Amino acid sequence: MMQRDLTRGNVAYSLIVFSLPMILGNILQQCYNIADTLIVSYALGPDALAAVGSSFTLMTFIISIILGLSIGSGTLFSIRFGQRDEDGLKDSVAAAFFLIAILTIIITSLSYLIINFLESFLSVPKTIWPLMKSYLIFIYLGIPAIFLYNFFSSFLRALGESKTPLYFLALSTILNIILDITFVLFLKLGVIGAATATIISQYLAGLGIMLYSFKYSKLLKGAIGIKRVKKSVLKNLFSFSLLTCLQQSVMNLGILLVQGLINSFGAVIMASYAIAVKIDAFAYMPSQEFGNAFSTFIAQNSGAKKSDRIKKGIKVAFSISTIYCLLMALILNLLSSNLMSIFVSDSTIINEGVRYLRIEGSFYIGIGYLFLLYGLFRALSKPGISLLLTIISLGTRVVLAYILSSFIGVVGIWVSIVIGWFLADLTGILIYLLNRYLRMNK
């Protein structure tokens, strides 16, 4: 297994080389999402597309606790790795694995218990709900696989190994697309076929990366055992990861609440958003993965107490993010209509999607900086600030979305998202500069 020590070498080179497999993995995931949307749209129609699109937003919220704990745990693993504390790393891995595994079982059970409540909570139209419910009943079965993939990916990335998660994600994506075509287009299994294809692919990635990690990681051997789960380590893990978990949950709850508002505008808006958000994610999600890579870089160097390298990393990361976000903004403004036309021919759906993409895309620099700030404060053992920024961003988004949409329609929802990004950015930058000033004047 190839490990990368991010506390040494050229800063820009280290960040780019480490982040590229993560970004490529994200692009693969978005390619699958787009392929899934294309297949569902053309084979099953706009109602099925709206059902699957809304389910995607809901699933993102449901698994946010798992993702948050995996991200928070991964940051702690990175710090222990930077400190060269092998025993501390093993204890942290054991505690994190059993904690997240238990929560995964609870989350999966609760998801089934509350399924009938979702129709009214998300304002799902009566024509859409039967399809959405059928899809959810099957897609929930993949939650344990999501835990396995994200936990072991976080572990490997904490050690500087970002390529292996990419390989398993690539295999999963290819299989997913093949099964989607088989189950939906040829076997005519509808939304259940789409869900089944996703579940099988998720377990390939989750079980595969788990078996790989146990076979090739010397650090992992003997690390996961109930005897290694210590109360003091669990307490440390809770204090470190709980806020990251809350951050993910708050972020996705806000998105879910906005999804409910979008659903209230009817099937056309739901369908246009389901397509546009896939294109949107394809464009800006590389910034999120770069922010996660940046967080690992900062965490390793924080553990190694290399403050000068941290400062240089911050400058390099923000420069790279600025260039990328401006490029994506230009591309989306020029090609949004063409991209929407790939998925659907209905001009009303296309126009609504184009409006969303041009508003969001023009201001990607806001979310690019926000991902870096999340990663920075998390890696500096200040996840509470990342949570605060999320509350500001999502709180603004939800409140303004409901207010503005009552005056200017659905475009008010799109504008509120951008305003939330920049308010959170401003807050995060001011907090960082204030902390830096206070440290300098001690």
Protein backbone atom coordinates (compact mmCIF):
# COMPACT_ATOMS: atom_id res chain seq x y z
CA MET A 1 0.00 0.00 0.00
CA MET A 2 1.38 3.40 -1.04
CA GLN A 3 1.32 5.97 1.77
CA ARG A 4 2.07 9.67 1.20
CA ASP A 5 3.67 11.80 3.90
CA LEU A 6 2.19 15.28 3.38
CA THR A 7 4.53 16.87 5.93
CA ARG A 8 7.40 16.84 3.42
CA GLY A 9 8.12 17.97 -0.13
CA ASN A 10 6.78 20.75 -2.33
CA VAL A 11 3.46 22.01 -0.95
CA ALA A 12 1.66 22.61 -4.27
CA TYR A 13 2.85 19.29 -5.70
CA SER A 14 1.83 17.39 -2.55
CA LEU A 15 -1.65 18.93 -2.52
CA ILE A 16 -2.30 18.39 -6.22
CA VAL A 17 -0.96 14.82 -6.40
CA PHE A 18 -2.81 13.76 -3.24
CA SER A 19 -6.08 15.43 -4.24
CA LEU A 20 -6.21 14.26 -7.87
CA PRO A 21 -7.35 10.66 -7.13
CA MET A 22 -10.00 12.04 -4.78
CA ILE A 23 -11.19 14.49 -7.43
CA LEU A 24 -11.18 11.79 -10.11
CA GLY A 25 -13.19 9.56 -7.78
CA ASN A 26 -15.70 12.34 -7.33
CA ILE A 27 -15.91 12.88 -11.08
CA LEU A 28 -16.57 9.16 -11.53
CA GLN A 29 -19.35 9.34 -8.95
CA GLN A 30 -20.87 12.33 -10.71
CA CYS A 31 -20.58 10.49 -14.04
CA TYR A 32 -22.62 7.69 -12.54
CA ASN A 33 -25.19 10.15 -11.16
CA ILE A 34 -25.51 11.72 -14.59
CA ALA A 35 -25.75 8.32 -16.32
CA ASP A 36 -28.39 7.25 -13.79
CA THR A 37 -30.35 10.45 -14.42
CA LEU A 38 -30.12 9.97 -18.20
CA ILE A 39 -31.30 6.37 -18.03
CA VAL A 40 -34.17 7.11 -15.64
CA SER A 41 -35.22 10.20 -17.61
CA TYR A 42 -35.31 8.54 -21.02
CA ALA A 43 -36.58 5.12 -19.94
CA LEU A 44 -39.06 6.02 -17.19
CA GLY A 45 -40.08 9.66 -17.73
CA PRO A 46 -40.21 12.88 -15.68
CA ASP A 47 -42.20 11.47 -12.74
CA ALA A 48 -39.63 8.74 -12.11
CA LEU A 49 -36.85 11.31 -12.56
CA ALA A 50 -38.44 13.57 -9.94
CA ALA A 51 -38.85 10.61 -7.56
CA VAL A 52 -35.24 9.46 -7.88
CA GLY A 53 -33.92 13.04 -7.72
CA SER A 54 -35.78 13.78 -4.48
CA SER A 55 -34.66 10.44 -3.05
CA PHE A 56 -31.04 11.36 -3.77
CA THR A 57 -31.37 14.52 -1.65
CA LEU A 58 -33.05 12.55 1.14
CA MET A 59 -30.38 9.84 1.10
CA THR A 60 -27.67 12.47 1.32
CA PHE A 61 -29.29 13.73 4.52
CA ILE A 62 -29.82 10.26 6.00
CA ILE A 63 -26.19 9.20 5.57
CA SER A 64 -24.82 12.58 6.67
CA ILE A 65 -24.15 11.24 10.19
CA ILE A 66 -22.09 8.37 8.77
CA LEU A 67 -20.21 10.70 6.43
CA GLY A 68 -19.64 13.28 9.17
CA LEU A 69 -18.24 10.75 11.61
CA SER A 70 -16.06 9.20 8.89
CA ILE A 71 -14.68 12.60 7.90
CA GLY A 72 -14.11 13.62 11.53
CA SER A 73 -12.49 10.28 12.34
CA GLY A 74 -10.30 10.55 9.25
CA THR A 75 -9.03 13.92 10.42
CA LEU A 76 -8.17 12.44 13.81
CA PHE A 77 -6.39 9.55 12.07
CA SER A 78 -4.39 12.09 10.04
CA ILE A 79 -3.29 13.93 13.17
CA ARG A 80 -2.18 10.69 14.85
CA PHE A 81 -0.33 9.72 11.67
CA GLY A 82 1.42 13.11 11.60
CA GLN A 83 2.38 12.61 15.26
CA ARG A 84 3.76 9.13 14.42
CA ASP A 85 1.55 7.77 17.23
CA GLU A 86 0.86 4.22 15.97
CA ASP A 87 -0.87 2.97 19.13
CA GLY A 88 -3.02 6.09 19.30
CA LEU A 89 -3.96 5.61 15.65
CA LYS A 90 -4.98 1.99 16.23
CA ASP A 91 -7.08 2.88 19.27
CA SER A 92 -8.80 5.66 17.31
CA VAL A 93 -9.56 3.33 14.39
CA ALA A 94 -11.08 0.69 16.69
CA ALA A 95 -13.26 3.19 18.54
CA ALA A 96 -14.41 4.89 15.33
CA PHE A 97 -15.26 1.62 13.58
CA PHE A 98 -17.50 0.28 16.34
CA LEU A 99 -19.14 3.64 17.00
CA ILE A 100 -20.04 4.28 13.36
CA ALA A 101 -21.09 0.64 12.79
CA ILE A 102 -23.60 0.81 15.64
CA LEU A 103 -24.95 4.15 14.42
CA THR A 104 -25.29 2.72 10.90
CA ILE A 105 -27.57 -0.02 12.20
CA ILE A 106 -29.67 2.53 14.09
CA ILE A 107 -29.90 4.91 11.11
CA THR A 108 -30.93 2.14 8.72
CA SER A 109 -33.67 0.96 11.11
CA LEU A 110 -35.00 4.49 11.67
CA SER A 111 -35.05 5.18 7.93
CA TYR A 112 -37.57 2.40 7.44
CA LEU A 113 -39.65 3.43 10.46
CA ILE A 114 -40.21 7.01 9.25
CA ILE A 115 -40.68 6.29 5.55
CA ASN A 116 -44.43 7.03 5.49
CA PHE A 117 -43.87 10.38 7.21
CA LEU A 118 -41.75 11.63 4.30
CA GLU A 119 -44.58 12.23 1.84
CA SER A 120 -46.00 15.15 3.81
CA PHE A 121 -42.66 16.35 5.24
CA LEU A 122 -41.11 16.73 1.78
CA SER A 123 -44.32 17.93 0.10
CA VAL A 124 -44.05 15.14 -2.46
CA PRO A 125 -46.84 15.26 -5.09
CA LYS A 126 -49.30 12.34 -4.96
CA THR A 127 -48.28 11.18 -8.43
CA ILE A 128 -44.60 11.00 -7.42
CA TRP A 129 -44.83 9.39 -3.96
CA PRO A 130 -45.51 5.71 -4.92
CA LEU A 131 -42.41 5.71 -7.16
CA MET A 132 -40.30 7.47 -4.54
CA LYS A 133 -41.38 5.10 -1.75
CA SER A 134 -40.61 2.00 -3.85
CA TYR A 135 -37.16 3.39 -4.66
CA LEU A 136 -36.40 4.24 -1.01
CA ILE A 137 -37.42 0.81 0.32
CA PHE A 138 -34.67 -0.74 -1.79
CA ILE A 139 -32.02 2.01 -1.68
CA TYR A 140 -31.94 1.98 2.15
CA LEU A 141 -30.43 -1.52 1.98
CA GLY A 142 -27.20 0.05 0.74
CA ILE A 143 -26.58 2.21 3.84
CA PRO A 144 -24.20 -0.33 5.50
CA ALA A 145 -22.16 -0.47 2.28
CA ILE A 146 -21.87 3.34 2.34
CA PHE A 147 -20.48 3.09 5.89
CA LEU A 148 -17.83 0.54 4.87
CA TYR A 149 -16.65 2.50 1.85
CA ASN A 150 -16.48 5.88 3.60
CA PHE A 151 -14.86 4.57 6.78
CA PHE A 152 -12.05 2.68 5.06
CA SER A 153 -11.58 5.44 2.49
CA SER A 154 -11.12 7.94 5.33
CA PHE A 155 -8.61 5.60 6.98
CA LEU A 156 -6.54 5.13 3.82
CA ARG A 157 -6.60 8.84 2.94
CA ALA A 158 -5.47 9.73 6.46
CA LEU A 159 -2.31 7.75 5.71
CA GLY A 160 -1.83 9.62 2.45
CA GLU A 161 -3.23 6.80 0.27
CA SER A 162 -5.82 8.38 -2.00
CA LYS A 163 -5.54 6.11 -5.07
CA THR A 164 -7.05 2.89 -3.72
CA PRO A 165 -10.48 4.43 -2.89
CA LEU A 166 -10.49 5.72 -6.48
CA TYR A 167 -9.94 2.23 -7.92
CA PHE A 168 -12.82 0.71 -5.96
CA LEU A 169 -15.07 3.64 -6.80
CA ALA A 170 -14.20 3.26 -10.50
CA LEU A 171 -15.14 -0.44 -10.46
CA SER A 172 -18.35 0.39 -8.61
CA THR A 173 -19.27 3.15 -11.06
CA ILE A 174 -18.71 1.00 -14.14
CA LEU A 175 -20.73 -1.86 -12.64
CA ASN A 176 -23.48 0.57 -11.62
CA ILE A 177 -23.92 1.92 -15.14
CA ILE A 178 -23.91 -1.59 -16.66
CA LEU A 179 -26.51 -2.80 -14.15
CA ASP A 180 -28.61 0.34 -14.63
CA ILE A 181 -28.79 -0.30 -18.36
CA THR A 182 -29.55 -3.99 -17.77
CA PHE A 183 -32.19 -3.59 -15.05
CA VAL A 184 -33.92 -0.42 -16.29
CA LEU A 185 -33.63 -0.52 -20.09
CA PHE A 186 -33.64 -4.25 -20.82
CA LEU A 187 -35.37 -5.94 -17.88
CA LYS A 188 -37.83 -3.05 -17.42
CA LEU A 189 -37.61 -3.11 -13.61
CA GLY A 190 -38.28 0.63 -13.26
CA VAL A 191 -37.06 2.60 -10.25
CA ILE A 192 -36.55 -0.64 -8.32
CA GLY A 193 -34.07 -1.72 -10.99
CA ALA A 194 -32.19 1.58 -10.62
CA ALA A 195 -32.06 1.12 -6.84
CA THR A 196 -30.90 -2.50 -7.11
CA ALA A 197 -28.08 -1.53 -9.47
CA THR A 198 -26.92 1.09 -6.99
CA ILE A 199 -27.01 -1.30 -4.01
CA ILE A 200 -24.98 -4.03 -5.72
CA SER A 201 -22.35 -1.51 -6.79
CA GLN A 202 -22.16 0.03 -3.32
CA TYR A 203 -21.43 -3.35 -1.74
CA LEU A 204 -18.72 -4.05 -4.31
CA ALA A 205 -16.96 -0.83 -3.29
CA GLY A 206 -17.61 -1.16 0.46
CA LEU A 207 -16.65 -4.80 0.92
CA GLY A 208 -13.82 -4.52 -1.57
CA ILE A 209 -12.05 -1.62 0.10
CA MET A 210 -12.54 -3.22 3.53
CA LEU A 211 -10.89 -6.49 2.44
CA TYR A 212 -8.08 -4.58 0.72
CA SER A 213 -7.42 -2.48 3.85
CA PHE A 214 -7.21 -5.51 6.12
CA LYS A 215 -4.91 -7.35 3.71
CA TYR A 216 -2.41 -4.60 2.93
CA SER A 217 -2.39 -2.19 5.88
CA LYS A 218 0.00 -3.16 8.66
CA LEU A 219 -1.50 -0.47 10.87
CA LEU A 220 -5.00 -1.89 10.49
CA LYS A 221 -4.04 -5.43 11.43
CA GLY A 222 -4.94 -5.86 15.07
CA ALA A 223 -6.45 -2.38 15.24
CA ILE A 224 -10.14 -3.29 14.95
CA GLY A 225 -11.01 -5.34 18.01
CA ILE A 226 -13.43 -4.74 20.84
CA LYS A 227 -10.54 -4.90 23.34
CA ARG A 228 -8.97 -1.81 21.75
CA VAL A 229 -12.12 0.27 22.26
CA LYS A 230 -11.24 2.48 25.22
CA LYS A 231 -13.52 4.89 27.02
CA SER A 232 -10.97 7.72 26.88
CA VAL A 233 -10.52 7.28 23.12
CA LEU A 234 -14.28 7.18 22.55
CA LYS A 235 -14.62 10.40 24.49
CA ASN A 236 -11.88 12.03 22.42
CA LEU A 237 -13.46 10.75 19.22
CA PHE A 238 -16.87 12.09 20.26
CA SER A 239 -15.49 15.52 21.07
CA PHE A 240 -13.60 15.64 17.79
CA SER A 241 -16.09 14.02 15.40
CA LEU A 242 -19.45 14.96 16.88
CA LEU A 243 -19.28 18.54 15.62
CA THR A 244 -18.20 17.38 12.18
CA CYS A 245 -21.13 14.98 12.24
CA LEU A 246 -23.47 17.80 13.26
CA GLN A 247 -22.01 19.94 10.49
CA GLN A 248 -22.86 17.33 7.86
CA SER A 249 -26.32 16.79 9.34
CA VAL A 250 -27.13 20.50 9.52
CA MET A 251 -25.86 21.01 5.98
CA ASN A 252 -27.96 18.21 4.54
CA LEU A 253 -31.01 19.05 6.66
CA GLY A 254 -30.92 22.53 5.15
CA ILE A 255 -30.67 21.03 1.66
CA LEU A 256 -33.56 18.68 2.47
CA LEU A 257 -35.75 21.56 3.68
CA VAL A 258 -35.00 23.45 0.48
CA GLN A 259 -35.86 20.29 -1.49
CA GLY A 260 -39.26 20.28 0.21
CA LEU A 261 -39.81 23.88 -0.89
CA ILE A 262 -38.73 23.02 -4.44
CA ASN A 263 -41.17 20.08 -4.48
CA SER A 264 -44.02 22.45 -3.65
CA PHE A 265 -43.51 24.14 -7.05
CA GLY A 266 -44.54 20.93 -8.85
CA ALA A 267 -43.13 18.17 -11.03
CA VAL A 268 -41.57 20.46 -13.69
CA ILE A 269 -39.42 22.30 -11.16
CA MET A 270 -38.59 19.02 -9.41
CA ALA A 271 -37.43 17.49 -12.70
CA SER A 272 -35.40 20.55 -13.76
CA TYR A 273 -33.74 20.70 -10.36
CA ALA A 274 -33.02 16.94 -10.39
CA ILE A 275 -31.10 17.40 -13.65
CA ALA A 276 -29.48 20.77 -12.91
CA VAL A 277 -28.24 19.70 -9.48
CA LYS A 278 -26.41 16.75 -11.08
CA ILE A 279 -24.63 19.09 -13.50
CA ASP A 280 -24.03 21.51 -10.64
CA ALA A 281 -22.49 18.79 -8.48
CA PHE A 282 -20.29 17.61 -11.35
CA ALA A 283 -18.92 21.15 -11.66
CA TYR A 284 -18.30 22.09 -8.03
CA MET A 285 -17.78 18.76 -6.23
CA PRO A 286 -14.08 18.61 -7.24
CA SER A 287 -13.73 21.67 -5.01
CA GLN A 288 -15.22 19.69 -2.13
CA GLU A 289 -12.78 16.82 -2.63
CA PHE A 290 -9.91 19.29 -2.90
CA GLY A 291 -11.11 20.75 0.41
CA ASN A 292 -11.03 17.26 1.96
CA ALA A 293 -7.52 16.67 0.62
CA PHE A 294 -6.48 20.08 1.95
CA SER A 295 -7.90 19.11 5.36
CA THR A 296 -5.76 15.94 5.44
CA PHE A 297 -2.71 18.03 4.47
CA ILE A 298 -3.37 20.53 7.29
CA ALA A 299 -4.12 17.74 9.82
CA GLN A 300 -0.90 15.85 9.12
CA ASN A 301 1.16 19.04 9.36
CA SER A 302 -0.72 20.14 12.47
CA GLY A 303 0.17 16.81 14.10
CA ALA A 304 3.79 17.31 13.03
CA LYS A 305 3.66 20.95 14.32
CA LYS A 306 4.79 22.46 11.01
CA SER A 307 3.08 25.86 11.16
CA ASP A 308 5.03 27.44 8.28
CA ARG A 309 4.00 24.61 5.99
CA ILE A 310 0.38 25.08 7.06
CA LYS A 311 0.50 28.80 6.16
CA LYS A 312 1.97 28.04 2.76
CA GLY A 313 -0.61 25.31 2.18
CA ILE A 314 -3.44 27.77 2.86
CA LYS A 315 -2.13 30.24 0.27
CA VAL A 316 -1.62 27.53 -2.36
CA ALA A 317 -5.02 25.91 -1.75
CA PHE A 318 -7.00 29.15 -2.03
CA SER A 319 -5.14 30.08 -5.23
CA ILE A 320 -5.90 26.72 -6.85
CA SER A 321 -9.55 26.87 -5.77
CA THR A 322 -9.95 30.39 -7.18
CA ILE A 323 -8.66 29.40 -10.61
CA TYR A 324 -10.81 26.28 -10.78
CA CYS A 325 -14.05 27.97 -9.65
CA LEU A 326 -13.67 30.86 -12.10
CA LEU A 327 -13.10 28.38 -14.94
CA MET A 328 -16.20 26.38 -14.00
CA ALA A 329 -18.26 29.58 -13.77
CA LEU A 330 -17.30 30.47 -17.34
CA ILE A 331 -18.06 26.99 -18.68
CA LEU A 332 -21.50 26.78 -17.05
CA ASN A 333 -22.56 30.21 -18.23
CA LEU A 334 -21.66 29.28 -21.80
CA LEU A 335 -22.87 25.68 -21.93
CA SER A 336 -25.72 25.29 -19.42
CA SER A 337 -28.41 25.07 -22.10
CA ASN A 338 -26.46 22.44 -24.04
CA LEU A 339 -25.86 20.41 -20.90
CA MET A 340 -29.53 20.45 -19.88
CA SER A 341 -30.51 19.38 -23.41
CA ILE A 342 -28.52 16.17 -23.01
CA PHE A 343 -31.00 14.95 -20.41
CA VAL A 344 -34.36 16.26 -21.56
CA SER A 345 -36.05 17.86 -24.58
CA ASP A 346 -38.82 19.73 -22.73
CA SER A 347 -38.01 23.44 -23.17
CA THR A 348 -39.71 24.46 -19.91
CA ILE A 349 -37.57 22.04 -17.87
CA ILE A 350 -34.45 23.14 -19.77
CA ASN A 351 -35.08 26.85 -19.18
CA GLU A 352 -35.63 26.39 -15.44
CA GLY A 353 -32.45 24.32 -15.17
CA VAL A 354 -30.43 26.88 -17.14
CA ARG A 355 -31.57 29.67 -14.84
CA TYR A 356 -30.45 27.67 -11.79
CA LEU A 357 -27.05 26.77 -13.30
CA ARG A 358 -26.22 30.32 -14.39
CA ILE A 359 -27.02 31.79 -11.00
CA GLU A 360 -25.14 29.12 -9.02
CA GLY A 361 -22.27 28.74 -11.47
CA SER A 362 -21.46 32.44 -11.57
CA PHE A 363 -20.59 32.34 -7.87
CA TYR A 364 -18.80 29.00 -7.42
CA ILE A 365 -15.89 30.79 -5.80
CA GLY A 366 -18.14 31.16 -2.76
CA ILE A 367 -18.62 27.45 -2.23
CA GLY A 368 -15.01 26.69 -3.23
CA TYR A 369 -13.71 28.87 -0.41
CA LEU A 370 -16.29 27.44 1.99
CA PHE A 371 -15.06 23.87 1.42
CA LEU A 372 -11.51 25.00 2.19
CA LEU A 373 -12.62 26.77 5.37
CA TYR A 374 -14.51 23.67 6.51
CA GLY A 375 -11.40 21.55 5.99
CA LEU A 376 -9.07 24.08 7.59
CA PHE A 377 -10.93 24.48 10.88
CA ARG A 378 -11.66 20.75 11.10
CA ALA A 379 -7.96 19.93 10.68
CA LEU A 380 -6.94 22.54 13.27
CA SER A 381 -9.17 20.74 15.82
CA LYS A 382 -11.80 23.49 15.65
CA PRO A 383 -14.77 21.63 14.11
CA GLY A 384 -17.13 23.91 16.05
CA ILE A 385 -16.21 26.75 13.69
CA SER A 386 -16.94 24.55 10.66
CA LEU A 387 -20.34 23.82 12.23
CA LEU A 388 -20.93 27.56 12.77
CA LEU A 389 -20.14 28.30 9.12
CA THR A 390 -22.53 25.56 8.03
CA ILE A 391 -25.31 26.97 10.20
CA ILE A 392 -24.75 30.42 8.72
CA SER A 393 -24.67 29.13 5.15
CA LEU A 394 -27.61 26.73 5.41
CA GLY A 395 -29.62 28.84 7.85
CA THR A 396 -29.42 31.79 5.48
CA ARG A 397 -30.29 29.54 2.56
CA VAL A 398 -33.40 28.08 4.18
CA VAL A 399 -34.78 31.31 5.66
CA LEU A 400 -34.15 33.42 2.57
CA ALA A 401 -35.42 30.66 0.25
CA TYR A 402 -38.83 30.68 1.92
CA ILE A 403 -38.96 34.48 2.06
CA LEU A 404 -37.66 35.30 -1.42
CA SER A 405 -39.57 32.54 -3.19
CA SER A 406 -42.83 34.04 -1.95
CA PHE A 407 -41.94 37.28 -3.78
CA ILE A 408 -39.93 36.28 -6.87
CA GLY A 409 -40.77 32.60 -7.23
CA VAL A 410 -38.32 29.73 -7.51
CA VAL A 411 -35.43 31.99 -8.51
CA GLY A 412 -35.47 33.27 -4.91
CA ILE A 413 -34.34 29.80 -3.80
CA TRP A 414 -31.34 29.86 -6.15
CA VAL A 415 -30.29 33.37 -5.04
CA SER A 416 -30.53 32.45 -1.36
CA ILE A 417 -28.00 29.64 -1.82
CA VAL A 418 -25.36 32.05 -3.14
CA ILE A 419 -25.97 34.59 -0.37
CA GLY A 420 -25.51 31.84 2.23
CA TRP A 421 -22.13 30.84 0.75
CA PHE A 422 -20.67 34.31 0.91
CA LEU A 423 -21.93 35.14 4.40
CA ALA A 424 -20.29 31.95 5.68
CA ASP A 425 -17.05 32.73 3.78
CA LEU A 426 -16.86 36.20 5.26
CA THR A 427 -17.43 34.84 8.77
CA GLY A 428 -14.80 32.10 8.39
CA ILE A 429 -12.12 34.41 7.00
CA LEU A 430 -12.72 36.97 9.75
CA ILE A 431 -12.49 34.27 12.46
CA TYR A 432 -9.23 32.92 11.00
CA LEU A 433 -7.67 36.39 10.74
CA LEU A 434 -8.81 37.29 14.26
CA ASN A 435 -7.34 34.08 15.74
CA ARG A 436 -4.09 34.69 13.84
CA TYR A 437 -3.94 38.28 15.13
CA LEU A 438 -4.53 37.15 18.73
CA ARG A 439 -1.80 34.50 18.47
CA MET A 440 0.67 37.03 17.10
CA ASN A 441 -0.02 39.47 19.93
CA LYS A 442 0.18 37.06 22.87
